[in-house]
Amino acid sequence: MSIDNPWALVVGLLVVAAVAAGLVVLGRRRRRALARAGITTTGRGGRVGAWLSVAGLAVLVLAAAGPVAKIPVPRTAGTVVVAVDVSNSMAATDADPTRLGAAQQAAEKFVEAQPSSVDVGVVAFQQGALTTAQPSDDHAAAVAAIERLKVAGSTSIGDAIITSLSAITGETVQLAEDGTAPDLGYWPSATIVLFSDGQNQGGTDAETAAAVAQTAGVHIETVGVGTTAGTSVEVDGYRVHTALDEDTLTTVAQTSGGSYHPASDASELDGIADTIDLRLTVADKPVPLAGALSVLALVLLGVGALLTVVRTGRIV
């Protein structure tokens, strides 16, 4: 349990302690006065009522401090990592407004279509890859990460896959010199959706990385952005021809057990959550306790006051 306002709790409990001490002193004085007058009385009902009132006051102070309990709640969940190519070739205009712009629009629409039970992460890749949003159920953060993407550098689809696997497993994945990877476990509840023009230019071998994903149970859905006819784009002052490489994207997808989708058919990805083998997870859900404690405090105060009045004729 956590407390939103610990200082309110400390001050409040000091006040309650002072009231309790005053109640003890008052009770002793009253008993001595009655003894001098030759009157003996137990007054237990009154004392019990008074102490119930003090307990009610203490519970009310706790409620005012804003206690919050974390309750484990089971839910079914999957993970999707959206990997977006931000290499220089993605500045080409054979997609509207550019390849990157078209990829962003399709990726954002895809993220927004996912149910809350699916955690979404974002990876941007060029000659390397970087996780720009860790997988979570905060889909708005994933969309914001996609919106911030800018073109730069060359392309490494293999690095994009390896970085996506790192985001899925929560551990840094590195391939050995012979292309083998450590045991990543089995993640059938995870999918990588990769938006690219397929212009692979080095880094980790894409097919090898896709095979690692397949072994880990992670499917890769590739989305081709651009046209096979291609166009020219300016890179470092030079005009360079670039075209959509559907063969590379198809090979990557099929190696992992996934499918290739042209950008024009990217809407088909909306139902991808239906193909994910959702896993059962347990997440801590914060539950405010102030309301329930306030009711308990009022009950204690009411019962305490009633007992005091019935047995002594006084409220205190």
C-alpha atoms as a PDB file:
ATOM      1  CA  MET A   1       0.000   0.000   0.000  1.00  0.00           C
ATOM      2  CA  SER A   2       1.192   3.522  -0.734  1.00  0.00           C
ATOM      3  CA  ILE A   3       0.195   6.908   0.696  1.00  0.00           C
ATOM      4  CA  ASP A   4      -0.365   9.939  -1.536  1.00  0.00           C
ATOM      5  CA  ASN A   5       0.088  12.445   1.312  1.00  0.00           C
ATOM      6  CA  PRO A   6       2.321  10.998   4.044  1.00  0.00           C
ATOM      7  CA  TRP A   7       2.664  14.328   5.844  1.00  0.00           C
ATOM      8  CA  ALA A   8      -1.106  14.527   6.302  1.00  0.00           C
ATOM      9  CA  LEU A   9      -0.957  11.064   7.856  1.00  0.00           C
ATOM     10  CA  VAL A  10       1.846  12.031  10.254  1.00  0.00           C
ATOM     11  CA  VAL A  11       0.160  15.246  11.404  1.00  0.00           C
ATOM     12  CA  GLY A  12      -3.227  13.562  11.674  1.00  0.00           C
ATOM     13  CA  LEU A  13      -1.907  10.676  13.758  1.00  0.00           C
ATOM     14  CA  LEU A  14      -0.200  13.152  16.110  1.00  0.00           C
ATOM     15  CA  VAL A  15      -3.569  14.834  16.611  1.00  0.00           C
ATOM     16  CA  VAL A  16      -5.229  11.456  17.244  1.00  0.00           C
ATOM     17  CA  ALA A  17      -2.490  10.563  19.738  1.00  0.00           C
ATOM     18  CA  ALA A  18      -3.077  13.856  21.545  1.00  0.00           C
ATOM     19  CA  VAL A  19      -6.832  13.178  21.703  1.00  0.00           C
ATOM     20  CA  ALA A  20      -6.203   9.661  23.022  1.00  0.00           C
ATOM     21  CA  ALA A  21      -3.818  10.983  25.678  1.00  0.00           C
ATOM     22  CA  GLY A  22      -6.354  13.615  26.676  1.00  0.00           C
ATOM     23  CA  LEU A  23      -9.019  10.938  26.928  1.00  0.00           C
ATOM     24  CA  VAL A  24      -6.838   8.877  29.283  1.00  0.00           C
ATOM     25  CA  VAL A  25      -6.094  11.894  31.504  1.00  0.00           C
ATOM     26  CA  LEU A  26      -9.750  12.935  31.552  1.00  0.00           C
ATOM     27  CA  GLY A  27     -10.842   9.420  32.510  1.00  0.00           C
ATOM     28  CA  ARG A  28      -8.419   9.251  35.398  1.00  0.00           C
ATOM     29  CA  ARG A  29      -9.523  12.648  36.754  1.00  0.00           C
ATOM     30  CA  ARG A  30     -13.176  11.642  36.501  1.00  0.00           C
ATOM     31  CA  ARG A  31     -12.599   8.379  38.370  1.00  0.00           C
ATOM     32  CA  ARG A  32     -10.677  10.147  41.148  1.00  0.00           C
ATOM     33  CA  ALA A  33     -13.401  12.762  41.519  1.00  0.00           C
ATOM     34  CA  LEU A  34     -16.094  10.085  41.720  1.00  0.00           C
ATOM     35  CA  ALA A  35     -14.027   8.113  44.251  1.00  0.00           C
ATOM     36  CA  ARG A  36     -13.697  11.145  46.512  1.00  0.00           C
ATOM     37  CA  ALA A  37     -17.461  11.505  46.377  1.00  0.00           C
ATOM     38  CA  GLY A  38     -17.860   7.853  47.354  1.00  0.00           C
ATOM     39  CA  ILE A  39     -19.262   6.842  43.965  1.00  0.00           C
ATOM     40  CA  THR A  40     -18.005   3.737  42.188  1.00  0.00           C
ATOM     41  CA  THR A  41     -18.815   3.085  38.532  1.00  0.00           C
ATOM     42  CA  THR A  42     -17.388   0.984  35.767  1.00  0.00           C
ATOM     43  CA  GLY A  43     -18.496   3.243  32.898  1.00  0.00           C
ATOM     44  CA  ARG A  44     -17.224   0.652  30.483  1.00  0.00           C
ATOM     45  CA  GLY A  45     -19.788   1.446  27.808  1.00  0.00           C
ATOM     46  CA  GLY A  46     -18.776   5.081  27.844  1.00  0.00           C
ATOM     47  CA  ARG A  47     -15.084   4.257  27.682  1.00  0.00           C
ATOM     48  CA  VAL A  48     -15.623   1.767  24.864  1.00  0.00           C
ATOM     49  CA  GLY A  49     -17.658   4.358  22.985  1.00  0.00           C
ATOM     50  CA  ALA A  50     -14.967   6.992  23.449  1.00  0.00           C
ATOM     51  CA  TRP A  51     -12.223   4.667  22.220  1.00  0.00           C
ATOM     52  CA  LEU A  52     -14.337   3.648  19.231  1.00  0.00           C
ATOM     53  CA  SER A  53     -14.617   7.345  18.396  1.00  0.00           C
ATOM     54  CA  VAL A  54     -10.837   7.715  18.648  1.00  0.00           C
ATOM     55  CA  ALA A  55     -10.396   4.703  16.351  1.00  0.00           C
ATOM     56  CA  GLY A  56     -12.843   6.259  13.908  1.00  0.00           C
ATOM     57  CA  LEU A  57     -10.856   9.492  13.974  1.00  0.00           C
ATOM     58  CA  ALA A  58      -7.640   7.565  13.263  1.00  0.00           C
ATOM     59  CA  VAL A  59      -9.232   5.753  10.315  1.00  0.00           C
ATOM     60  CA  LEU A  60     -10.534   9.092   8.995  1.00  0.00           C
ATOM     61  CA  VAL A  61      -7.006  10.522   9.147  1.00  0.00           C
ATOM     62  CA  LEU A  62      -5.727   7.514   7.189  1.00  0.00           C
ATOM     63  CA  ALA A  63      -8.436   8.027   4.557  1.00  0.00           C
ATOM     64  CA  ALA A  64      -7.505  11.709   4.225  1.00  0.00           C
ATOM     65  CA  ALA A  65      -3.887  10.732   3.528  1.00  0.00           C
ATOM     66  CA  GLY A  66      -4.965   9.042   0.286  1.00  0.00           C
ATOM     67  CA  PRO A  67      -3.996   5.374   0.719  1.00  0.00           C
ATOM     68  CA  VAL A  68      -3.725   3.327  -2.475  1.00  0.00           C
ATOM     69  CA  ALA A  69      -3.493  -0.455  -2.592  1.00  0.00           C
ATOM     70  CA  LYS A  70      -2.058  -2.375  -5.545  1.00  0.00           C
ATOM     71  CA  ILE A  71      -4.141  -5.423  -6.360  1.00  0.00           C
ATOM     72  CA  PRO A  72      -2.844  -8.063  -8.799  1.00  0.00           C
ATOM     73  CA  VAL A  73      -5.306  -8.359 -11.679  1.00  0.00           C
ATOM     74  CA  PRO A  74      -4.966 -11.112 -14.324  1.00  0.00           C
ATOM     75  CA  ARG A  75      -5.399 -10.133 -17.976  1.00  0.00           C
ATOM     76  CA  THR A  76      -4.718 -11.598 -21.388  1.00  0.00           C
ATOM     77  CA  ALA A  77      -2.077  -9.680 -23.319  1.00  0.00           C
ATOM     78  CA  GLY A  78       0.075  -9.774 -26.435  1.00  0.00           C
ATOM     79  CA  THR A  79       3.018  -7.728 -27.651  1.00  0.00           C
ATOM     80  CA  VAL A  80       3.495  -5.979 -30.984  1.00  0.00           C
ATOM     81  CA  VAL A  81       6.666  -4.116 -31.926  1.00  0.00           C
ATOM     82  CA  VAL A  82       6.223  -1.673 -34.802  1.00  0.00           C
ATOM     83  CA  ALA A  83       9.580  -1.349 -36.612  1.00  0.00           C
ATOM     84  CA  VAL A  84       9.752   1.602 -39.019  1.00  0.00           C
ATOM     85  CA  ASP A  85      12.495   2.147 -41.616  1.00  0.00           C
ATOM     86  CA  VAL A  86      13.855   5.703 -41.344  1.00  0.00           C
ATOM     87  CA  SER A  87      16.736   5.363 -43.829  1.00  0.00           C
ATOM     88  CA  ASN A  88      17.416   8.014 -46.488  1.00  0.00           C
ATOM     89  CA  SER A  89      15.549   6.055 -49.153  1.00  0.00           C
ATOM     90  CA  MET A  90      12.348   6.505 -47.126  1.00  0.00           C
ATOM     91  CA  ALA A  91      12.400  10.184 -48.194  1.00  0.00           C
ATOM     92  CA  ALA A  92      11.442   9.070 -51.734  1.00  0.00           C
ATOM     93  CA  THR A  93       8.158  10.482 -53.025  1.00  0.00           C
ATOM     94  CA  ASP A  94       6.784   7.445 -54.859  1.00  0.00           C
ATOM     95  CA  ALA A  95       4.409   7.152 -51.900  1.00  0.00           C
ATOM     96  CA  ASP A  96       2.262  10.035 -50.633  1.00  0.00           C
ATOM     97  CA  PRO A  97       3.638  12.259 -49.160  1.00  0.00           C
ATOM     98  CA  THR A  98       6.878  10.261 -48.847  1.00  0.00           C
ATOM     99  CA  ARG A  99       7.613   6.624 -48.085  1.00  0.00           C
ATOM    100  CA  LEU A 100       8.249   7.506 -44.459  1.00  0.00           C
ATOM    101  CA  GLY A 101       5.104   9.637 -44.303  1.00  0.00           C
ATOM    102  CA  ALA A 102       3.010   6.809 -45.746  1.00  0.00           C
ATOM    103  CA  ALA A 103       4.609   4.326 -43.341  1.00  0.00           C
ATOM    104  CA  GLN A 104       3.871   6.608 -40.387  1.00  0.00           C
ATOM    105  CA  GLN A 105       0.234   6.983 -41.400  1.00  0.00           C
ATOM    106  CA  ALA A 106      -0.226   3.231 -41.792  1.00  0.00           C
ATOM    107  CA  ALA A 107       1.657   2.457 -38.570  1.00  0.00           C
ATOM    108  CA  GLU A 108      -0.334   4.979 -36.534  1.00  0.00           C
ATOM    109  CA  LYS A 109      -3.614   3.640 -37.880  1.00  0.00           C
ATOM    110  CA  PHE A 110      -2.481   0.125 -37.049  1.00  0.00           C
ATOM    111  CA  VAL A 111      -1.534   1.034 -33.458  1.00  0.00           C
ATOM    112  CA  GLU A 112      -4.823   2.844 -32.875  1.00  0.00           C
ATOM    113  CA  ALA A 113      -6.730  -0.253 -34.057  1.00  0.00           C
ATOM    114  CA  GLN A 114      -5.112  -2.525 -31.454  1.00  0.00           C
ATOM    115  CA  PRO A 115      -7.099  -3.454 -28.333  1.00  0.00           C
ATOM    116  CA  SER A 116      -5.841  -2.390 -24.921  1.00  0.00           C
ATOM    117  CA  SER A 117      -4.824  -5.999 -24.193  1.00  0.00           C
ATOM    118  CA  VAL A 118      -1.977  -5.650 -26.712  1.00  0.00           C
ATOM    119  CA  ASP A 119       1.225  -3.899 -25.604  1.00  0.00           C
ATOM    120  CA  VAL A 120       2.776  -1.875 -28.443  1.00  0.00           C
ATOM    121  CA  GLY A 121       6.419  -0.804 -28.785  1.00  0.00           C
ATOM    122  CA  VAL A 122       8.213   1.176 -31.512  1.00  0.00           C
ATOM    123  CA  VAL A 123      11.634   0.584 -33.099  1.00  0.00           C
ATOM    124  CA  ALA A 124      13.203   2.992 -35.599  1.00  0.00           C
ATOM    125  CA  PHE A 125      15.915   1.552 -37.818  1.00  0.00           C
ATOM    126  CA  GLN A 126      18.483   2.654 -40.389  1.00  0.00           C
ATOM    127  CA  GLN A 127      22.051   1.266 -40.373  1.00  0.00           C
ATOM    128  CA  GLY A 128      21.323   0.446 -36.728  1.00  0.00           C
ATOM    129  CA  ALA A 129      18.109   0.292 -34.738  1.00  0.00           C
ATOM    130  CA  LEU A 130      16.772   2.023 -31.650  1.00  0.00           C
ATOM    131  CA  THR A 131      13.768   1.271 -29.446  1.00  0.00           C
ATOM    132  CA  THR A 132      11.931   4.592 -29.228  1.00  0.00           C
ATOM    133  CA  ALA A 133       8.995   3.275 -27.189  1.00  0.00           C
ATOM    134  CA  GLN A 134       9.072   0.203 -24.958  1.00  0.00           C
ATOM    135  CA  PRO A 135       6.105  -2.186 -25.337  1.00  0.00           C
ATOM    136  CA  SER A 136       3.234  -1.049 -23.111  1.00  0.00           C
ATOM    137  CA  ASP A 137      -0.524  -0.559 -23.173  1.00  0.00           C
ATOM    138  CA  ASP A 138       0.034   3.201 -23.613  1.00  0.00           C
ATOM    139  CA  HIS A 139      -0.827   3.284 -27.315  1.00  0.00           C
ATOM    140  CA  ALA A 140      -0.779   7.091 -27.377  1.00  0.00           C
ATOM    141  CA  ALA A 141       2.934   6.993 -26.466  1.00  0.00           C
ATOM    142  CA  ALA A 142       3.563   4.579 -29.345  1.00  0.00           C
ATOM    143  CA  VAL A 143       1.758   6.868 -31.804  1.00  0.00           C
ATOM    144  CA  ALA A 144       3.755   9.869 -30.529  1.00  0.00           C
ATOM    145  CA  ALA A 145       6.998   7.938 -31.024  1.00  0.00           C
ATOM    146  CA  ILE A 146       6.014   7.142 -34.620  1.00  0.00           C
ATOM    147  CA  GLU A 147       5.141  10.777 -35.315  1.00  0.00           C
ATOM    148  CA  ARG A 148       8.629  11.908 -34.246  1.00  0.00           C
ATOM    149  CA  LEU A 149      10.513   9.734 -36.757  1.00  0.00           C
ATOM    150  CA  LYS A 150      12.871  11.436 -39.256  1.00  0.00           C
ATOM    151  CA  VAL A 151      14.919  10.028 -42.156  1.00  0.00           C
ATOM    152  CA  ALA A 152      18.669   9.424 -41.809  1.00  0.00           C
ATOM    153  CA  GLY A 153      21.276   6.837 -42.741  1.00  0.00           C
ATOM    154  CA  SER A 154      21.153   3.529 -44.603  1.00  0.00           C
ATOM    155  CA  THR A 155      19.048   0.409 -43.920  1.00  0.00           C
ATOM    156  CA  SER A 156      19.612  -2.708 -41.826  1.00  0.00           C
ATOM    157  CA  ILE A 157      16.488  -4.853 -41.605  1.00  0.00           C
ATOM    158  CA  GLY A 158      18.411  -7.494 -39.652  1.00  0.00           C
ATOM    159  CA  ASP A 159      19.322  -4.979 -36.933  1.00  0.00           C
ATOM    160  CA  ALA A 160      15.674  -3.903 -36.799  1.00  0.00           C
ATOM    161  CA  ILE A 161      14.584  -7.489 -36.102  1.00  0.00           C
ATOM    162  CA  ILE A 162      17.245  -8.082 -33.435  1.00  0.00           C
ATOM    163  CA  THR A 163      16.395  -4.810 -31.650  1.00  0.00           C
ATOM    164  CA  SER A 164      12.694  -5.676 -31.805  1.00  0.00           C
ATOM    165  CA  LEU A 165      13.435  -9.057 -30.216  1.00  0.00           C
ATOM    166  CA  SER A 166      15.335  -7.243 -27.461  1.00  0.00           C
ATOM    167  CA  ALA A 167      12.272  -5.075 -26.797  1.00  0.00           C
ATOM    168  CA  ILE A 168      10.043  -8.170 -26.690  1.00  0.00           C
ATOM    169  CA  THR A 169      12.224 -10.254 -24.377  1.00  0.00           C
ATOM    170  CA  GLY A 170      13.389  -7.368 -22.197  1.00  0.00           C
ATOM    171  CA  GLU A 171      17.019  -8.441 -22.669  1.00  0.00           C
ATOM    172  CA  THR A 172      19.696  -7.338 -25.136  1.00  0.00           C
ATOM    173  CA  VAL A 173      19.819  -9.912 -27.955  1.00  0.00           C
ATOM    174  CA  GLN A 174      23.170 -10.382 -29.674  1.00  0.00           C
ATOM    175  CA  LEU A 175      24.115 -12.855 -32.391  1.00  0.00           C
ATOM    176  CA  ALA A 176      27.349 -14.848 -32.220  1.00  0.00           C
ATOM    177  CA  GLU A 177      29.859 -14.605 -35.061  1.00  0.00           C
ATOM    178  CA  ASP A 178      28.362 -17.720 -36.648  1.00  0.00           C
ATOM    179  CA  GLY A 179      24.900 -16.097 -36.675  1.00  0.00           C
ATOM    180  CA  THR A 180      23.480 -18.106 -33.786  1.00  0.00           C
ATOM    181  CA  ALA A 181      21.574 -16.478 -30.940  1.00  0.00           C
ATOM    182  CA  PRO A 182      21.187 -17.386 -27.274  1.00  0.00           C
ATOM    183  CA  ASP A 183      18.002 -19.142 -26.181  1.00  0.00           C
ATOM    184  CA  LEU A 184      15.377 -16.390 -26.130  1.00  0.00           C
ATOM    185  CA  GLY A 185      12.569 -18.566 -24.846  1.00  0.00           C
ATOM    186  CA  TYR A 186       9.288 -18.912 -26.733  1.00  0.00           C
ATOM    187  CA  TRP A 187       7.174 -15.814 -27.418  1.00  0.00           C
ATOM    188  CA  PRO A 188       4.107 -16.784 -29.498  1.00  0.00           C
ATOM    189  CA  SER A 189       2.263 -13.806 -27.988  1.00  0.00           C
ATOM    190  CA  ALA A 190       4.597 -11.386 -29.802  1.00  0.00           C
ATOM    191  CA  THR A 191       4.645 -10.071 -33.376  1.00  0.00           C
ATOM    192  CA  ILE A 192       6.934  -7.675 -35.234  1.00  0.00           C
ATOM    193  CA  VAL A 193       5.296  -5.429 -37.846  1.00  0.00           C
ATOM    194  CA  LEU A 194       8.040  -4.011 -40.060  1.00  0.00           C
ATOM    195  CA  PHE A 195       7.434  -1.043 -42.398  1.00  0.00           C
ATOM    196  CA  SER A 196      10.176  -0.635 -45.016  1.00  0.00           C
ATOM    197  CA  ASP A 197      11.018  -0.272 -48.708  1.00  0.00           C
ATOM    198  CA  GLY A 198      13.189  -3.385 -48.357  1.00  0.00           C
ATOM    199  CA  GLN A 199      16.377  -1.607 -49.469  1.00  0.00           C
ATOM    200  CA  ASN A 200      18.623  -3.630 -47.151  1.00  0.00           C
ATOM    201  CA  GLN A 201      22.199  -2.281 -47.070  1.00  0.00           C
ATOM    202  CA  GLY A 202      24.149  -4.289 -44.530  1.00  0.00           C
ATOM    203  CA  GLY A 203      24.309  -4.902 -40.821  1.00  0.00           C
ATOM    204  CA  THR A 204      22.931  -8.144 -39.421  1.00  0.00           C
ATOM    205  CA  ASP A 205      21.804 -10.532 -42.152  1.00  0.00           C
ATOM    206  CA  ALA A 206      18.042 -10.088 -42.475  1.00  0.00           C
ATOM    207  CA  GLU A 207      17.210 -13.726 -43.195  1.00  0.00           C
ATOM    208  CA  THR A 208      19.354 -14.916 -40.287  1.00  0.00           C
ATOM    209  CA  ALA A 209      17.616 -12.487 -37.936  1.00  0.00           C
ATOM    210  CA  ALA A 210      14.218 -13.636 -39.218  1.00  0.00           C
ATOM    211  CA  ALA A 211      15.195 -17.247 -38.504  1.00  0.00           C
ATOM    212  CA  VAL A 212      16.090 -16.270 -34.922  1.00  0.00           C
ATOM    213  CA  ALA A 213      12.639 -14.682 -34.555  1.00  0.00           C
ATOM    214  CA  GLN A 214      10.995 -17.818 -35.929  1.00  0.00           C
ATOM    215  CA  THR A 215      12.836 -20.000 -33.398  1.00  0.00           C
ATOM    216  CA  ALA A 216      11.568 -17.723 -30.620  1.00  0.00           C
ATOM    217  CA  GLY A 217       7.994 -18.053 -31.906  1.00  0.00           C
ATOM    218  CA  VAL A 218       7.846 -14.419 -33.064  1.00  0.00           C
ATOM    219  CA  HIS A 219       6.173 -13.817 -36.439  1.00  0.00           C
ATOM    220  CA  ILE A 220       7.229 -10.880 -38.607  1.00  0.00           C
ATOM    221  CA  GLU A 221       4.627  -9.117 -40.728  1.00  0.00           C
ATOM    222  CA  THR A 222       6.357  -6.928 -43.343  1.00  0.00           C
ATOM    223  CA  VAL A 223       4.762  -3.934 -45.045  1.00  0.00           C
ATOM    224  CA  GLY A 224       6.306  -2.707 -48.308  1.00  0.00           C
ATOM    225  CA  VAL A 225       6.286   1.061 -48.818  1.00  0.00           C
ATOM    226  CA  GLY A 226       7.006   2.617 -52.239  1.00  0.00           C
ATOM    227  CA  THR A 227       6.839   1.272 -55.792  1.00  0.00           C
ATOM    228  CA  THR A 228       8.825  -1.412 -57.607  1.00  0.00           C
ATOM    229  CA  ALA A 229       9.478   1.098 -60.410  1.00  0.00           C
ATOM    230  CA  GLY A 230      11.058   3.381 -57.840  1.00  0.00           C
ATOM    231  CA  THR A 231      12.293   6.940 -58.072  1.00  0.00           C
ATOM    232  CA  SER A 232      15.355   9.038 -57.300  1.00  0.00           C
ATOM    233  CA  VAL A 233      16.186  10.543 -53.937  1.00  0.00           C
ATOM    234  CA  GLU A 234      18.965  12.945 -52.959  1.00  0.00           C
ATOM    235  CA  VAL A 235      21.526  11.529 -50.508  1.00  0.00           C
ATOM    236  CA  ASP A 236      24.544  13.611 -49.471  1.00  0.00           C
ATOM    237  CA  GLY A 237      24.246  15.738 -52.599  1.00  0.00           C
ATOM    238  CA  TYR A 238      23.861  12.793 -54.992  1.00  0.00           C
ATOM    239  CA  ARG A 239      20.751  11.572 -56.810  1.00  0.00           C
ATOM    240  CA  VAL A 240      20.303   7.868 -56.058  1.00  0.00           C
ATOM    241  CA  HIS A 241      17.702   5.546 -57.575  1.00  0.00           C
ATOM    242  CA  THR A 242      15.681   3.559 -55.070  1.00  0.00           C
ATOM    243  CA  ALA A 243      12.858   1.063 -55.511  1.00  0.00           C
ATOM    244  CA  LEU A 244      10.693  -1.179 -53.344  1.00  0.00           C
ATOM    245  CA  ASP A 245      12.326  -4.591 -52.844  1.00  0.00           C
ATOM    246  CA  GLU A 246       9.364  -6.888 -52.300  1.00  0.00           C
ATOM    247  CA  ASP A 247      11.489 -10.046 -52.551  1.00  0.00           C
ATOM    248  CA  THR A 248      13.534  -9.189 -49.449  1.00  0.00           C
ATOM    249  CA  LEU A 249      10.465  -8.286 -47.424  1.00  0.00           C
ATOM    250  CA  THR A 250       8.651 -11.432 -48.537  1.00  0.00           C
ATOM    251  CA  THR A 251      11.621 -13.633 -47.634  1.00  0.00           C
ATOM    252  CA  VAL A 252      11.917 -12.054 -44.167  1.00  0.00           C
ATOM    253  CA  ALA A 253       8.209 -12.513 -43.490  1.00  0.00           C
ATOM    254  CA  GLN A 254       8.001 -16.095 -44.733  1.00  0.00           C
ATOM    255  CA  THR A 255      11.167 -17.156 -42.876  1.00  0.00           C
ATOM    256  CA  SER A 256       9.562 -16.122 -39.587  1.00  0.00           C
ATOM    257  CA  GLY A 257       6.151 -17.573 -40.410  1.00  0.00           C
ATOM    258  CA  GLY A 258       4.592 -14.205 -41.189  1.00  0.00           C
ATOM    259  CA  SER A 259       3.275 -12.544 -44.347  1.00  0.00           C
ATOM    260  CA  TYR A 260       4.204  -9.698 -46.681  1.00  0.00           C
ATOM    261  CA  HIS A 261       1.715  -6.846 -47.195  1.00  0.00           C
ATOM    262  CA  PRO A 262       1.942  -4.041 -49.773  1.00  0.00           C
ATOM    263  CA  ALA A 263       1.298  -0.655 -48.144  1.00  0.00           C
ATOM    264  CA  SER A 264      -1.956  -0.390 -50.088  1.00  0.00           C
ATOM    265  CA  ASP A 265      -3.176  -3.460 -48.172  1.00  0.00           C
ATOM    266  CA  ALA A 266      -1.840  -2.356 -44.793  1.00  0.00           C
ATOM    267  CA  SER A 267      -5.427  -2.133 -43.513  1.00  0.00           C
ATOM    268  CA  GLU A 268      -5.337  -5.928 -43.377  1.00  0.00           C
ATOM    269  CA  LEU A 269      -3.008  -5.579 -40.394  1.00  0.00           C
ATOM    270  CA  ASP A 270      -5.808  -4.187 -38.209  1.00  0.00           C
ATOM    271  CA  GLY A 271      -6.867  -7.700 -37.285  1.00  0.00           C
ATOM    272  CA  ILE A 272      -3.398  -8.891 -36.373  1.00  0.00           C
ATOM    273  CA  ALA A 273      -4.298  -9.109 -32.676  1.00  0.00           C
ATOM    274  CA  ASP A 274      -6.695 -11.913 -33.561  1.00  0.00           C
ATOM    275  CA  THR A 275      -3.745 -14.032 -34.750  1.00  0.00           C
ATOM    276  CA  ILE A 276      -1.638 -13.490 -31.626  1.00  0.00           C
ATOM    277  CA  ASP A 277      -1.581 -16.249 -29.033  1.00  0.00           C
ATOM    278  CA  LEU A 278      -2.448 -13.997 -26.107  1.00  0.00           C
ATOM    279  CA  ARG A 279      -0.761 -14.860 -22.818  1.00  0.00           C
ATOM    280  CA  LEU A 280      -2.139 -14.564 -19.292  1.00  0.00           C
ATOM    281  CA  THR A 281      -0.315 -11.918 -17.281  1.00  0.00           C
ATOM    282  CA  VAL A 282      -0.797 -10.378 -13.861  1.00  0.00           C
ATOM    283  CA  ALA A 283      -0.596  -6.607 -13.529  1.00  0.00           C
ATOM    284  CA  ASP A 284      -0.853  -4.480 -10.381  1.00  0.00           C
ATOM    285  CA  LYS A 285      -3.915  -2.243 -10.476  1.00  0.00           C
ATOM    286  CA  PRO A 286      -3.933   0.753  -8.096  1.00  0.00           C
ATOM    287  CA  VAL A 287      -7.139   0.908  -6.032  1.00  0.00           C
ATOM    288  CA  PRO A 288      -7.852   4.031  -3.885  1.00  0.00           C
ATOM    289  CA  LEU A 289      -8.947   3.094  -0.359  1.00  0.00           C
ATOM    290  CA  ALA A 290     -10.079   6.516   0.854  1.00  0.00           C
ATOM    291  CA  GLY A 291     -13.770   5.916   0.163  1.00  0.00           C
ATOM    292  CA  ALA A 292     -13.990   2.600   1.996  1.00  0.00           C
ATOM    293  CA  LEU A 293     -11.954   3.907   4.935  1.00  0.00           C
ATOM    294  CA  SER A 294     -14.155   6.998   5.196  1.00  0.00           C
ATOM    295  CA  VAL A 295     -17.254   4.792   5.491  1.00  0.00           C
ATOM    296  CA  LEU A 296     -15.553   2.678   8.172  1.00  0.00           C
ATOM    297  CA  ALA A 297     -14.515   5.832  10.052  1.00  0.00           C
ATOM    298  CA  LEU A 298     -18.085   7.188  10.032  1.00  0.00           C
ATOM    299  CA  VAL A 299     -19.396   3.848  11.329  1.00  0.00           C
ATOM    300  CA  LEU A 300     -16.869   3.805  14.180  1.00  0.00           C
ATOM    301  CA  LEU A 301     -17.576   7.432  15.070  1.00  0.00           C
ATOM    302  CA  GLY A 302     -21.322   6.840  14.988  1.00  0.00           C
ATOM    303  CA  VAL A 303     -21.225   3.684  17.104  1.00  0.00           C
ATOM    304  CA  GLY A 304     -18.793   5.281  19.531  1.00  0.00           C
ATOM    305  CA  ALA A 305     -20.996   8.341  19.987  1.00  0.00           C
ATOM    306  CA  LEU A 306     -24.106   6.178  20.431  1.00  0.00           C
ATOM    307  CA  LEU A 307     -22.497   3.996  23.119  1.00  0.00           C
ATOM    308  CA  THR A 308     -21.199   7.047  24.963  1.00  0.00           C
ATOM    309  CA  VAL A 309     -24.618   8.738  24.985  1.00  0.00           C
ATOM    310  CA  VAL A 310     -26.511   5.584  25.995  1.00  0.00           C
ATOM    311  CA  ARG A 311     -24.189   4.685  28.894  1.00  0.00           C
ATOM    312  CA  THR A 312     -23.190   8.139  30.175  1.00  0.00           C
ATOM    313  CA  GLY A 313     -25.639  10.635  28.775  1.00  0.00           C
ATOM    314  CA  ARG A 314     -22.674  12.530  27.328  1.00  0.00           C
ATOM    315  CA  ILE A 315     -21.018  12.453  23.888  1.00  0.00           C
ATOM    316  CA  VAL A 316     -17.501  12.512  25.441  1.00  0.00           C
END
